[in-house]
Amino acid sequence: MLFDSYFILSDKHNMNNELRRLVNLGITYFILHPVICNTEYVLNCINEFYLNEEDSYNVYIALLPSMMTHKEDMKDRVAGICIPKCLQHNDKSLHYAFETGSSYSLPIFIHFREGWHDRFYISLDKIKELLDDYKNVKVIINGINYSEILKIIKLFKDADNVYFDISFFQSLDGVETLIDVFGDDRIVFGTGAPINNPLPSILKIKYANVSKTSLEKVSYGNILNLLNSSVYL
Protein backbone atom coordinates (compact mmCIF):
# COMPACT_ATOMS: atom_id res chain seq x y z
CA MET A 1 0.00 0.00 0.00
CA LEU A 2 1.27 3.48 -0.91
CA PHE A 3 -0.10 6.74 0.50
CA ASP A 4 0.73 9.72 -1.73
CA SER A 5 0.21 13.49 -1.73
CA TYR A 6 -1.27 14.86 -4.95
CA PHE A 7 -0.82 18.57 -5.65
CA ILE A 8 -3.74 20.74 -6.75
CA LEU A 9 -2.27 23.24 -9.22
CA SER A 10 -3.68 26.34 -10.90
CA ASP A 11 -5.04 24.26 -13.75
CA LYS A 12 -6.78 20.94 -13.40
CA HIS A 13 -4.03 18.94 -15.14
CA ASN A 14 -6.60 16.38 -16.24
CA MET A 15 -6.67 15.14 -12.65
CA ASN A 16 -9.02 12.22 -13.17
CA ASN A 17 -6.67 10.69 -15.72
CA GLU A 18 -3.65 11.48 -13.56
CA LEU A 19 -5.14 9.78 -10.53
CA ARG A 20 -6.16 6.74 -12.55
CA ARG A 21 -2.59 6.48 -13.82
CA LEU A 22 -1.22 6.67 -10.28
CA VAL A 23 -3.68 4.01 -9.11
CA ASN A 24 -2.45 1.80 -11.96
CA LEU A 25 1.10 2.39 -10.71
CA GLY A 26 0.14 1.06 -7.28
CA ILE A 27 -0.85 4.18 -5.31
CA THR A 28 -3.64 3.23 -2.92
CA TYR A 29 -4.53 6.43 -1.04
CA PHE A 30 -4.08 10.14 -1.74
CA ILE A 31 -3.94 13.37 0.21
CA LEU A 32 -4.96 16.35 -1.92
CA HIS A 33 -2.43 19.06 -1.25
CA PRO A 34 -3.21 22.53 -2.70
CA VAL A 35 -0.13 24.49 -3.80
CA ILE A 36 -2.22 27.54 -4.72
CA CYS A 37 -4.19 29.93 -2.51
CA ASN A 38 -7.42 30.23 -4.48
CA THR A 39 -9.87 28.76 -1.97
CA GLU A 40 -12.84 28.77 -4.35
CA TYR A 41 -10.89 26.99 -7.08
CA VAL A 42 -9.55 24.37 -4.67
CA LEU A 43 -13.06 23.69 -3.31
CA ASN A 44 -14.37 23.35 -6.86
CA CYS A 45 -11.65 20.81 -7.64
CA ILE A 46 -12.45 18.83 -4.53
CA ASN A 47 -16.19 18.87 -5.15
CA GLU A 48 -15.90 18.09 -8.84
CA PHE A 49 -13.39 15.27 -8.70
CA TYR A 50 -13.10 13.76 -5.27
CA LEU A 51 -16.08 13.99 -3.00
CA ASN A 52 -18.44 12.00 -5.17
CA GLU A 53 -18.74 8.32 -4.33
CA GLU A 54 -17.97 7.05 -7.81
CA ASP A 55 -14.56 8.69 -8.23
CA SER A 56 -13.36 9.24 -4.68
CA TYR A 57 -10.04 7.42 -5.28
CA ASN A 58 -9.57 6.97 -1.52
CA VAL A 59 -8.74 10.67 -1.27
CA TYR A 60 -8.26 12.84 1.80
CA ILE A 61 -7.65 16.58 1.96
CA ALA A 62 -5.02 18.90 3.42
CA LEU A 63 -6.97 22.13 3.81
CA LEU A 64 -5.76 25.64 3.21
CA PRO A 65 -6.11 27.62 6.47
CA SER A 66 -8.85 29.66 4.78
CA MET A 67 -10.85 26.44 4.22
CA MET A 68 -11.29 25.54 7.89
CA THR A 69 -14.89 26.79 7.82
CA HIS A 70 -15.55 23.90 5.41
CA LYS A 71 -14.00 21.30 7.71
CA GLU A 72 -17.32 19.89 8.92
CA ASP A 73 -18.61 19.55 5.35
CA MET A 74 -15.68 17.26 4.58
CA LYS A 75 -16.06 15.25 7.78
CA ASP A 76 -13.65 12.30 7.76
CA ARG A 77 -11.78 13.53 4.65
CA VAL A 78 -9.62 16.12 6.44
CA ALA A 79 -6.01 14.99 6.77
CA GLY A 80 -4.32 18.21 7.85
CA ILE A 81 -3.50 21.80 6.89
CA CYS A 82 -1.22 22.83 4.04
CA ILE A 83 0.93 25.94 3.68
CA PRO A 84 1.75 26.50 -0.01
CA LYS A 85 4.33 28.97 -1.27
CA CYS A 86 1.73 31.72 -1.65
CA LEU A 87 1.29 31.89 2.15
CA GLN A 88 4.87 31.29 3.23
CA HIS A 89 6.10 34.90 3.03
CA ASN A 90 3.28 36.21 5.25
CA ASP A 91 4.13 35.95 8.94
CA LYS A 92 0.51 36.47 10.01
CA SER A 93 -0.67 33.66 7.71
CA LEU A 94 2.02 31.32 9.01
CA HIS A 95 1.08 31.90 12.64
CA TYR A 96 -2.61 31.50 11.83
CA ALA A 97 -1.90 28.16 10.12
CA PHE A 98 0.15 26.89 13.06
CA GLU A 99 -2.41 28.13 15.59
CA THR A 100 -5.14 26.33 13.62
CA GLY A 101 -3.09 23.15 13.44
CA SER A 102 -2.46 23.34 17.16
CA SER A 103 -6.12 23.98 18.00
CA TYR A 104 -7.47 21.14 15.84
CA SER A 105 -4.56 18.72 16.42
CA LEU A 106 -3.96 18.57 12.66
CA PRO A 107 -0.55 18.01 11.03
CA ILE A 108 0.78 20.75 8.75
CA PHE A 109 2.08 20.06 5.23
CA ILE A 110 4.66 22.59 4.03
CA HIS A 111 5.49 22.60 0.33
CA PHE A 112 8.85 23.61 -1.10
CA ARG A 113 9.74 23.66 -4.75
CA GLU A 114 13.09 24.47 -6.36
CA GLY A 115 13.43 27.47 -4.12
CA TRP A 116 15.41 27.15 -0.93
CA HIS A 117 16.84 30.57 -1.86
CA ASP A 118 13.57 32.03 -3.19
CA ARG A 119 12.52 34.82 -0.83
CA PHE A 120 8.88 33.76 -1.13
CA TYR A 121 9.53 30.31 0.32
CA ILE A 122 9.63 29.78 4.03
CA SER A 123 13.13 29.16 5.34
CA LEU A 124 14.20 26.18 7.39
CA ASP A 125 15.09 28.61 10.19
CA LYS A 126 11.55 30.00 10.13
CA ILE A 127 10.07 26.50 10.39
CA LYS A 128 12.29 25.89 13.40
CA GLU A 129 11.17 29.19 14.96
CA LEU A 130 7.48 28.33 14.46
CA LEU A 131 7.94 24.86 15.91
CA ASP A 132 9.60 26.38 18.96
CA ASP A 133 6.43 28.45 19.44
CA TYR A 134 3.98 25.61 18.64
CA LYS A 135 5.60 22.56 20.17
CA ASN A 136 2.57 20.29 19.81
CA VAL A 137 2.28 20.77 16.03
CA LYS A 138 3.56 18.09 13.68
CA VAL A 139 4.95 19.14 10.31
CA ILE A 140 5.54 17.25 7.06
CA ILE A 141 8.09 18.98 4.83
CA ASN A 142 7.81 18.26 1.13
CA GLY A 143 10.60 19.17 -1.25
CA ILE A 144 13.71 18.60 0.85
CA ASN A 145 16.84 18.93 -1.23
CA TYR A 146 19.98 16.81 -0.96
CA SER A 147 22.13 19.95 -1.06
CA GLU A 148 20.45 21.19 2.14
CA ILE A 149 20.73 17.92 4.07
CA LEU A 150 23.44 19.18 6.46
CA LYS A 151 21.33 22.16 7.54
CA ILE A 152 18.23 19.96 7.82
CA ILE A 153 20.17 17.57 10.07
CA LYS A 154 21.45 20.45 12.21
CA LEU A 155 17.96 21.90 12.75
CA PHE A 156 15.70 18.86 12.81
CA LYS A 157 17.64 15.67 13.52
CA ASP A 158 16.17 15.40 17.01
CA ALA A 159 12.82 17.08 16.24
CA ASP A 160 10.37 14.22 16.65
CA ASN A 161 7.51 16.36 15.30
CA VAL A 162 9.14 16.98 11.89
CA TYR A 163 8.64 14.50 9.05
CA PHE A 164 10.08 14.41 5.54
CA ASP A 165 8.45 13.48 2.22
CA ILE A 166 10.79 11.66 -0.19
CA SER A 167 9.33 13.02 -3.44
CA PHE A 168 11.94 15.67 -4.30
CA PHE A 169 14.93 14.09 -2.57
CA GLN A 170 17.06 13.31 -5.60
CA SER A 171 19.35 10.49 -4.54
CA LEU A 172 19.50 6.88 -5.71
CA ASP A 173 19.65 5.73 -2.11
CA GLY A 174 17.40 8.54 -0.86
CA VAL A 175 15.10 6.36 1.25
CA GLU A 176 18.03 4.63 2.91
CA THR A 177 19.84 7.95 3.52
CA LEU A 178 16.82 9.59 5.14
CA ILE A 179 16.11 6.56 7.32
CA ASP A 180 19.76 6.40 8.40
CA VAL A 181 19.67 10.07 9.43
CA PHE A 182 16.17 10.53 10.87
CA GLY A 183 14.92 7.01 11.56
CA ASP A 184 12.12 5.16 9.83
CA ASP A 185 9.38 6.81 11.92
CA ARG A 186 9.80 10.25 10.32
CA ILE A 187 9.95 9.55 6.58
CA VAL A 188 6.83 9.45 4.39
CA PHE A 189 6.25 8.41 0.81
CA GLY A 190 5.40 10.95 -1.89
CA THR A 191 5.72 11.21 -5.67
CA GLY A 192 5.33 14.95 -6.17
CA ALA A 193 2.66 14.31 -8.84
CA PRO A 194 1.64 15.98 -11.06
CA ILE A 195 4.69 18.28 -10.76
CA ASN A 196 7.06 15.29 -10.71
CA ASN A 197 7.18 12.09 -12.68
CA PRO A 198 5.92 9.62 -10.04
CA LEU A 199 8.06 6.68 -11.17
CA PRO A 200 11.36 7.63 -9.44
CA SER A 201 9.70 7.73 -6.01
CA ILE A 202 7.87 4.46 -6.64
CA LEU A 203 11.10 2.79 -7.77
CA LYS A 204 13.02 4.21 -4.78
CA ILE A 205 10.51 2.51 -2.50
CA LYS A 206 10.38 -0.70 -4.53
CA TYR A 207 14.15 -1.20 -4.48
CA ALA A 208 15.02 0.38 -1.14
CA ASN A 209 17.47 -1.70 0.84
CA VAL A 210 15.59 -1.46 4.13
CA SER A 211 13.64 -3.84 6.33
CA LYS A 212 10.05 -4.77 5.59
CA THR A 213 8.98 -2.93 8.74
CA SER A 214 10.76 0.27 7.65
CA LEU A 215 9.28 -0.02 4.18
CA GLU A 216 5.75 -0.32 5.55
CA LYS A 217 6.27 2.70 7.81
CA VAL A 218 7.50 4.89 4.96
CA SER A 219 4.95 3.65 2.41
CA TYR A 220 1.88 4.28 4.55
CA GLY A 221 2.33 3.64 8.27
CA ASN A 222 3.86 6.96 9.28
CA ILE A 223 1.36 9.11 7.41
CA LEU A 224 -1.54 7.13 8.88
CA ASN A 225 -0.19 7.79 12.36
CA LEU A 226 -0.09 11.51 11.55
CA LEU A 227 -3.59 11.82 10.21
CA ASN A 228 -6.28 13.28 12.37
CA SER A 229 -8.20 10.68 14.37
CA SER A 230 -11.34 11.49 12.38
CA VAL A 231 -9.86 9.89 9.27
CA TYR A 232 -10.78 6.25 8.81
CA LEU A 233 -9.65 3.90 6.04
C-alpha atoms as a PDB file:
ATOM      1  CA  MET A   1       0.000   0.000   0.000  1.00  0.00           C
ATOM      2  CA  LEU A   2       1.270   3.479  -0.910  1.00  0.00           C
ATOM      3  CA  PHE A   3      -0.101   6.745   0.500  1.00  0.00           C
ATOM      4  CA  ASP A   4       0.725   9.716  -1.727  1.00  0.00           C
ATOM      5  CA  SER A   5       0.210  13.490  -1.734  1.00  0.00           C
ATOM      6  CA  TYR A   6      -1.266  14.860  -4.954  1.00  0.00           C
ATOM      7  CA  PHE A   7      -0.816  18.569  -5.653  1.00  0.00           C
ATOM      8  CA  ILE A   8      -3.740  20.742  -6.749  1.00  0.00           C
ATOM      9  CA  LEU A   9      -2.271  23.235  -9.217  1.00  0.00           C
ATOM     10  CA  SER A  10      -3.685  26.336 -10.902  1.00  0.00           C
ATOM     11  CA  ASP A  11      -5.041  24.261 -13.750  1.00  0.00           C
ATOM     12  CA  LYS A  12      -6.776  20.937 -13.400  1.00  0.00           C
ATOM     13  CA  HIS A  13      -4.026  18.943 -15.137  1.00  0.00           C
ATOM     14  CA  ASN A  14      -6.602  16.384 -16.242  1.00  0.00           C
ATOM     15  CA  MET A  15      -6.672  15.143 -12.650  1.00  0.00           C
ATOM     16  CA  ASN A  16      -9.020  12.218 -13.175  1.00  0.00           C
ATOM     17  CA  ASN A  17      -6.674  10.686 -15.725  1.00  0.00           C
ATOM     18  CA  GLU A  18      -3.648  11.484 -13.561  1.00  0.00           C
ATOM     19  CA  LEU A  19      -5.142   9.777 -10.531  1.00  0.00           C
ATOM     20  CA  ARG A  20      -6.162   6.739 -12.547  1.00  0.00           C
ATOM     21  CA  ARG A  21      -2.586   6.483 -13.821  1.00  0.00           C
ATOM     22  CA  LEU A  22      -1.225   6.666 -10.281  1.00  0.00           C
ATOM     23  CA  VAL A  23      -3.681   4.014  -9.113  1.00  0.00           C
ATOM     24  CA  ASN A  24      -2.451   1.803 -11.958  1.00  0.00           C
ATOM     25  CA  LEU A  25       1.098   2.385 -10.709  1.00  0.00           C
ATOM     26  CA  GLY A  26       0.140   1.063  -7.283  1.00  0.00           C
ATOM     27  CA  ILE A  27      -0.846   4.185  -5.306  1.00  0.00           C
ATOM     28  CA  THR A  28      -3.638   3.229  -2.921  1.00  0.00           C
ATOM     29  CA  TYR A  29      -4.533   6.431  -1.040  1.00  0.00           C
ATOM     30  CA  PHE A  30      -4.077  10.140  -1.745  1.00  0.00           C
ATOM     31  CA  ILE A  31      -3.942  13.373   0.207  1.00  0.00           C
ATOM     32  CA  LEU A  32      -4.955  16.352  -1.924  1.00  0.00           C
ATOM     33  CA  HIS A  33      -2.433  19.059  -1.250  1.00  0.00           C
ATOM     34  CA  PRO A  34      -3.209  22.530  -2.695  1.00  0.00           C
ATOM     35  CA  VAL A  35      -0.130  24.491  -3.803  1.00  0.00           C
ATOM     36  CA  ILE A  36      -2.217  27.539  -4.715  1.00  0.00           C
ATOM     37  CA  CYS A  37      -4.189  29.934  -2.507  1.00  0.00           C
ATOM     38  CA  ASN A  38      -7.424  30.230  -4.483  1.00  0.00           C
ATOM     39  CA  THR A  39      -9.873  28.761  -1.972  1.00  0.00           C
ATOM     40  CA  GLU A  40     -12.840  28.773  -4.352  1.00  0.00           C
ATOM     41  CA  TYR A  41     -10.891  26.987  -7.084  1.00  0.00           C
ATOM     42  CA  VAL A  42      -9.553  24.374  -4.666  1.00  0.00           C
ATOM     43  CA  LEU A  43     -13.057  23.695  -3.314  1.00  0.00           C
ATOM     44  CA  ASN A  44     -14.374  23.346  -6.864  1.00  0.00           C
ATOM     45  CA  CYS A  45     -11.649  20.811  -7.643  1.00  0.00           C
ATOM     46  CA  ILE A  46     -12.454  18.829  -4.527  1.00  0.00           C
ATOM     47  CA  ASN A  47     -16.188  18.875  -5.148  1.00  0.00           C
ATOM     48  CA  GLU A  48     -15.895  18.090  -8.844  1.00  0.00           C
ATOM     49  CA  PHE A  49     -13.393  15.266  -8.699  1.00  0.00           C
ATOM     50  CA  TYR A  50     -13.099  13.759  -5.271  1.00  0.00           C
ATOM     51  CA  LEU A  51     -16.076  13.987  -2.997  1.00  0.00           C
ATOM     52  CA  ASN A  52     -18.445  11.996  -5.173  1.00  0.00           C
ATOM     53  CA  GLU A  53     -18.736   8.322  -4.327  1.00  0.00           C
ATOM     54  CA  GLU A  54     -17.972   7.051  -7.814  1.00  0.00           C
ATOM     55  CA  ASP A  55     -14.565   8.692  -8.233  1.00  0.00           C
ATOM     56  CA  SER A  56     -13.361   9.244  -4.682  1.00  0.00           C
ATOM     57  CA  TYR A  57     -10.042   7.418  -5.283  1.00  0.00           C
ATOM     58  CA  ASN A  58      -9.574   6.971  -1.520  1.00  0.00           C
ATOM     59  CA  VAL A  59      -8.736  10.666  -1.275  1.00  0.00           C
ATOM     60  CA  TYR A  60      -8.258  12.844   1.798  1.00  0.00           C
ATOM     61  CA  ILE A  61      -7.654  16.583   1.958  1.00  0.00           C
ATOM     62  CA  ALA A  62      -5.022  18.900   3.417  1.00  0.00           C
ATOM     63  CA  LEU A  63      -6.967  22.128   3.814  1.00  0.00           C
ATOM     64  CA  LEU A  64      -5.756  25.643   3.206  1.00  0.00           C
ATOM     65  CA  PRO A  65      -6.109  27.616   6.471  1.00  0.00           C
ATOM     66  CA  SER A  66      -8.853  29.659   4.779  1.00  0.00           C
ATOM     67  CA  MET A  67     -10.850  26.443   4.222  1.00  0.00           C
ATOM     68  CA  MET A  68     -11.292  25.543   7.888  1.00  0.00           C
ATOM     69  CA  THR A  69     -14.894  26.787   7.817  1.00  0.00           C
ATOM     70  CA  HIS A  70     -15.553  23.899   5.408  1.00  0.00           C
ATOM     71  CA  LYS A  71     -14.002  21.299   7.709  1.00  0.00           C
ATOM     72  CA  GLU A  72     -17.324  19.895   8.919  1.00  0.00           C
ATOM     73  CA  ASP A  73     -18.613  19.553   5.349  1.00  0.00           C
ATOM     74  CA  MET A  74     -15.677  17.258   4.580  1.00  0.00           C
ATOM     75  CA  LYS A  75     -16.061  15.251   7.780  1.00  0.00           C
ATOM     76  CA  ASP A  76     -13.651  12.296   7.758  1.00  0.00           C
ATOM     77  CA  ARG A  77     -11.780  13.529   4.650  1.00  0.00           C
ATOM     78  CA  VAL A  78      -9.620  16.116   6.436  1.00  0.00           C
ATOM     79  CA  ALA A  79      -6.008  14.992   6.774  1.00  0.00           C
ATOM     80  CA  GLY A  80      -4.318  18.214   7.850  1.00  0.00           C
ATOM     81  CA  ILE A  81      -3.496  21.797   6.889  1.00  0.00           C
ATOM     82  CA  CYS A  82      -1.218  22.827   4.035  1.00  0.00           C
ATOM     83  CA  ILE A  83       0.926  25.943   3.682  1.00  0.00           C
ATOM     84  CA  PRO A  84       1.755  26.502  -0.007  1.00  0.00           C
ATOM     85  CA  LYS A  85       4.327  28.970  -1.273  1.00  0.00           C
ATOM     86  CA  CYS A  86       1.728  31.718  -1.653  1.00  0.00           C
ATOM     87  CA  LEU A  87       1.293  31.888   2.149  1.00  0.00           C
ATOM     88  CA  GLN A  88       4.866  31.290   3.235  1.00  0.00           C
ATOM     89  CA  HIS A  89       6.097  34.900   3.032  1.00  0.00           C
ATOM     90  CA  ASN A  90       3.281  36.206   5.246  1.00  0.00           C
ATOM     91  CA  ASP A  91       4.130  35.948   8.938  1.00  0.00           C
ATOM     92  CA  LYS A  92       0.515  36.468  10.008  1.00  0.00           C
ATOM     93  CA  SER A  93      -0.670  33.658   7.706  1.00  0.00           C
ATOM     94  CA  LEU A  94       2.017  31.320   9.010  1.00  0.00           C
ATOM     95  CA  HIS A  95       1.076  31.898  12.638  1.00  0.00           C
ATOM     96  CA  TYR A  96      -2.614  31.496  11.829  1.00  0.00           C
ATOM     97  CA  ALA A  97      -1.900  28.161  10.116  1.00  0.00           C
ATOM     98  CA  PHE A  98       0.147  26.894  13.063  1.00  0.00           C
ATOM     99  CA  GLU A  99      -2.407  28.130  15.594  1.00  0.00           C
ATOM    100  CA  THR A 100      -5.135  26.332  13.622  1.00  0.00           C
ATOM    101  CA  GLY A 101      -3.094  23.147  13.440  1.00  0.00           C
ATOM    102  CA  SER A 102      -2.460  23.336  17.156  1.00  0.00           C
ATOM    103  CA  SER A 103      -6.122  23.980  18.002  1.00  0.00           C
ATOM    104  CA  TYR A 104      -7.470  21.142  15.839  1.00  0.00           C
ATOM    105  CA  SER A 105      -4.555  18.725  16.415  1.00  0.00           C
ATOM    106  CA  LEU A 106      -3.960  18.568  12.664  1.00  0.00           C
ATOM    107  CA  PRO A 107      -0.555  18.008  11.027  1.00  0.00           C
ATOM    108  CA  ILE A 108       0.779  20.747   8.749  1.00  0.00           C
ATOM    109  CA  PHE A 109       2.079  20.061   5.233  1.00  0.00           C
ATOM    110  CA  ILE A 110       4.663  22.586   4.030  1.00  0.00           C
ATOM    111  CA  HIS A 111       5.492  22.597   0.326  1.00  0.00           C
ATOM    112  CA  PHE A 112       8.846  23.606  -1.095  1.00  0.00           C
ATOM    113  CA  ARG A 113       9.736  23.662  -4.753  1.00  0.00           C
ATOM    114  CA  GLU A 114      13.086  24.467  -6.359  1.00  0.00           C
ATOM    115  CA  GLY A 115      13.432  27.473  -4.118  1.00  0.00           C
ATOM    116  CA  TRP A 116      15.411  27.155  -0.931  1.00  0.00           C
ATOM    117  CA  HIS A 117      16.837  30.567  -1.862  1.00  0.00           C
ATOM    118  CA  ASP A 118      13.567  32.026  -3.192  1.00  0.00           C
ATOM    119  CA  ARG A 119      12.523  34.820  -0.830  1.00  0.00           C
ATOM    120  CA  PHE A 120       8.880  33.755  -1.133  1.00  0.00           C
ATOM    121  CA  TYR A 121       9.532  30.312   0.322  1.00  0.00           C
ATOM    122  CA  ILE A 122       9.626  29.779   4.031  1.00  0.00           C
ATOM    123  CA  SER A 123      13.131  29.159   5.345  1.00  0.00           C
ATOM    124  CA  LEU A 124      14.202  26.182   7.394  1.00  0.00           C
ATOM    125  CA  ASP A 125      15.088  28.607  10.189  1.00  0.00           C
ATOM    126  CA  LYS A 126      11.548  29.998  10.128  1.00  0.00           C
ATOM    127  CA  ILE A 127      10.067  26.502  10.388  1.00  0.00           C
ATOM    128  CA  LYS A 128      12.294  25.888  13.401  1.00  0.00           C
ATOM    129  CA  GLU A 129      11.168  29.188  14.957  1.00  0.00           C
ATOM    130  CA  LEU A 130       7.478  28.331  14.457  1.00  0.00           C
ATOM    131  CA  LEU A 131       7.942  24.860  15.913  1.00  0.00           C
ATOM    132  CA  ASP A 132       9.603  26.379  18.961  1.00  0.00           C
ATOM    133  CA  ASP A 133       6.427  28.448  19.435  1.00  0.00           C
ATOM    134  CA  TYR A 134       3.982  25.607  18.642  1.00  0.00           C
ATOM    135  CA  LYS A 135       5.598  22.563  20.168  1.00  0.00           C
ATOM    136  CA  ASN A 136       2.569  20.289  19.809  1.00  0.00           C
ATOM    137  CA  VAL A 137       2.275  20.773  16.033  1.00  0.00           C
ATOM    138  CA  LYS A 138       3.560  18.086  13.679  1.00  0.00           C
ATOM    139  CA  VAL A 139       4.948  19.143  10.307  1.00  0.00           C
ATOM    140  CA  ILE A 140       5.535  17.249   7.059  1.00  0.00           C
ATOM    141  CA  ILE A 141       8.086  18.977   4.828  1.00  0.00           C
ATOM    142  CA  ASN A 142       7.807  18.255   1.129  1.00  0.00           C
ATOM    143  CA  GLY A 143      10.603  19.165  -1.252  1.00  0.00           C
ATOM    144  CA  ILE A 144      13.706  18.596   0.846  1.00  0.00           C
ATOM    145  CA  ASN A 145      16.836  18.927  -1.230  1.00  0.00           C
ATOM    146  CA  TYR A 146      19.979  16.809  -0.958  1.00  0.00           C
ATOM    147  CA  SER A 147      22.134  19.952  -1.059  1.00  0.00           C
ATOM    148  CA  GLU A 148      20.451  21.188   2.135  1.00  0.00           C
ATOM    149  CA  ILE A 149      20.733  17.923   4.071  1.00  0.00           C
ATOM    150  CA  LEU A 150      23.439  19.183   6.461  1.00  0.00           C
ATOM    151  CA  LYS A 151      21.333  22.156   7.542  1.00  0.00           C
ATOM    152  CA  ILE A 152      18.235  19.956   7.824  1.00  0.00           C
ATOM    153  CA  ILE A 153      20.173  17.571  10.073  1.00  0.00           C
ATOM    154  CA  LYS A 154      21.445  20.445  12.212  1.00  0.00           C
ATOM    155  CA  LEU A 155      17.962  21.901  12.747  1.00  0.00           C
ATOM    156  CA  PHE A 156      15.705  18.862  12.808  1.00  0.00           C
ATOM    157  CA  LYS A 157      17.639  15.666  13.524  1.00  0.00           C
ATOM    158  CA  ASP A 158      16.166  15.400  17.013  1.00  0.00           C
ATOM    159  CA  ALA A 159      12.818  17.081  16.240  1.00  0.00           C
ATOM    160  CA  ASP A 160      10.365  14.217  16.653  1.00  0.00           C
ATOM    161  CA  ASN A 161       7.507  16.355  15.301  1.00  0.00           C
ATOM    162  CA  VAL A 162       9.140  16.981  11.892  1.00  0.00           C
ATOM    163  CA  TYR A 163       8.640  14.498   9.047  1.00  0.00           C
ATOM    164  CA  PHE A 164      10.076  14.406   5.536  1.00  0.00           C
ATOM    165  CA  ASP A 165       8.446  13.485   2.224  1.00  0.00           C
ATOM    166  CA  ILE A 166      10.789  11.660  -0.186  1.00  0.00           C
ATOM    167  CA  SER A 167       9.330  13.022  -3.439  1.00  0.00           C
ATOM    168  CA  PHE A 168      11.941  15.675  -4.296  1.00  0.00           C
ATOM    169  CA  PHE A 169      14.928  14.088  -2.566  1.00  0.00           C
ATOM    170  CA  GLN A 170      17.057  13.307  -5.598  1.00  0.00           C
ATOM    171  CA  SER A 171      19.346  10.492  -4.540  1.00  0.00           C
ATOM    172  CA  LEU A 172      19.503   6.879  -5.709  1.00  0.00           C
ATOM    173  CA  ASP A 173      19.648   5.726  -2.105  1.00  0.00           C
ATOM    174  CA  GLY A 174      17.400   8.539  -0.864  1.00  0.00           C
ATOM    175  CA  VAL A 175      15.103   6.363   1.246  1.00  0.00           C
ATOM    176  CA  GLU A 176      18.027   4.629   2.913  1.00  0.00           C
ATOM    177  CA  THR A 177      19.835   7.948   3.521  1.00  0.00           C
ATOM    178  CA  LEU A 178      16.818   9.591   5.143  1.00  0.00           C
ATOM    179  CA  ILE A 179      16.110   6.560   7.319  1.00  0.00           C
ATOM    180  CA  ASP A 180      19.762   6.400   8.405  1.00  0.00           C
ATOM    181  CA  VAL A 181      19.674  10.074   9.429  1.00  0.00           C
ATOM    182  CA  PHE A 182      16.171  10.530  10.866  1.00  0.00           C
ATOM    183  CA  GLY A 183      14.925   7.014  11.560  1.00  0.00           C
ATOM    184  CA  ASP A 184      12.117   5.157   9.832  1.00  0.00           C
ATOM    185  CA  ASP A 185       9.375   6.814  11.925  1.00  0.00           C
ATOM    186  CA  ARG A 186       9.803  10.252  10.324  1.00  0.00           C
ATOM    187  CA  ILE A 187       9.950   9.548   6.576  1.00  0.00           C
ATOM    188  CA  VAL A 188       6.829   9.447   4.387  1.00  0.00           C
ATOM    189  CA  PHE A 189       6.250   8.412   0.805  1.00  0.00           C
ATOM    190  CA  GLY A 190       5.403  10.953  -1.892  1.00  0.00           C
ATOM    191  CA  THR A 191       5.719  11.207  -5.671  1.00  0.00           C
ATOM    192  CA  GLY A 192       5.326  14.951  -6.175  1.00  0.00           C
ATOM    193  CA  ALA A 193       2.664  14.309  -8.839  1.00  0.00           C
ATOM    194  CA  PRO A 194       1.636  15.978 -11.059  1.00  0.00           C
ATOM    195  CA  ILE A 195       4.691  18.277 -10.764  1.00  0.00           C
ATOM    196  CA  ASN A 196       7.062  15.292 -10.710  1.00  0.00           C
ATOM    197  CA  ASN A 197       7.184  12.094 -12.678  1.00  0.00           C
ATOM    198  CA  PRO A 198       5.919   9.617 -10.043  1.00  0.00           C
ATOM    199  CA  LEU A 199       8.060   6.679 -11.173  1.00  0.00           C
ATOM    200  CA  PRO A 200      11.361   7.629  -9.443  1.00  0.00           C
ATOM    201  CA  SER A 201       9.700   7.727  -6.006  1.00  0.00           C
ATOM    202  CA  ILE A 202       7.867   4.460  -6.643  1.00  0.00           C
ATOM    203  CA  LEU A 203      11.100   2.794  -7.766  1.00  0.00           C
ATOM    204  CA  LYS A 204      13.023   4.212  -4.778  1.00  0.00           C
ATOM    205  CA  ILE A 205      10.509   2.506  -2.501  1.00  0.00           C
ATOM    206  CA  LYS A 206      10.380  -0.701  -4.525  1.00  0.00           C
ATOM    207  CA  TYR A 207      14.148  -1.199  -4.481  1.00  0.00           C
ATOM    208  CA  ALA A 208      15.019   0.381  -1.143  1.00  0.00           C
ATOM    209  CA  ASN A 209      17.473  -1.704   0.836  1.00  0.00           C
ATOM    210  CA  VAL A 210      15.587  -1.461   4.125  1.00  0.00           C
ATOM    211  CA  SER A 211      13.638  -3.835   6.334  1.00  0.00           C
ATOM    212  CA  LYS A 212      10.048  -4.766   5.586  1.00  0.00           C
ATOM    213  CA  THR A 213       8.983  -2.927   8.742  1.00  0.00           C
ATOM    214  CA  SER A 214      10.755   0.269   7.652  1.00  0.00           C
ATOM    215  CA  LEU A 215       9.280  -0.015   4.178  1.00  0.00           C
ATOM    216  CA  GLU A 216       5.754  -0.321   5.553  1.00  0.00           C
ATOM    217  CA  LYS A 217       6.274   2.698   7.811  1.00  0.00           C
ATOM    218  CA  VAL A 218       7.503   4.888   4.957  1.00  0.00           C
ATOM    219  CA  SER A 219       4.955   3.652   2.413  1.00  0.00           C
ATOM    220  CA  TYR A 220       1.880   4.281   4.545  1.00  0.00           C
ATOM    221  CA  GLY A 221       2.327   3.643   8.270  1.00  0.00           C
ATOM    222  CA  ASN A 222       3.858   6.963   9.279  1.00  0.00           C
ATOM    223  CA  ILE A 223       1.356   9.110   7.415  1.00  0.00           C
ATOM    224  CA  LEU A 224      -1.535   7.125   8.876  1.00  0.00           C
ATOM    225  CA  ASN A 225      -0.185   7.794  12.357  1.00  0.00           C
ATOM    226  CA  LEU A 226      -0.089  11.514  11.548  1.00  0.00           C
ATOM    227  CA  LEU A 227      -3.594  11.821  10.206  1.00  0.00           C
ATOM    228  CA  ASN A 228      -6.285  13.281  12.370  1.00  0.00           C
ATOM    229  CA  SER A 229      -8.200  10.675  14.370  1.00  0.00           C
ATOM    230  CA  SER A 230     -11.338  11.492  12.383  1.00  0.00           C
ATOM    231  CA  VAL A 231      -9.858   9.895   9.271  1.00  0.00           C
ATOM    232  CA  TYR A 232     -10.777   6.252   8.814  1.00  0.00           C
ATOM    233  CA  LEU A 233      -9.654   3.896   6.036  1.00  0.00           C
END
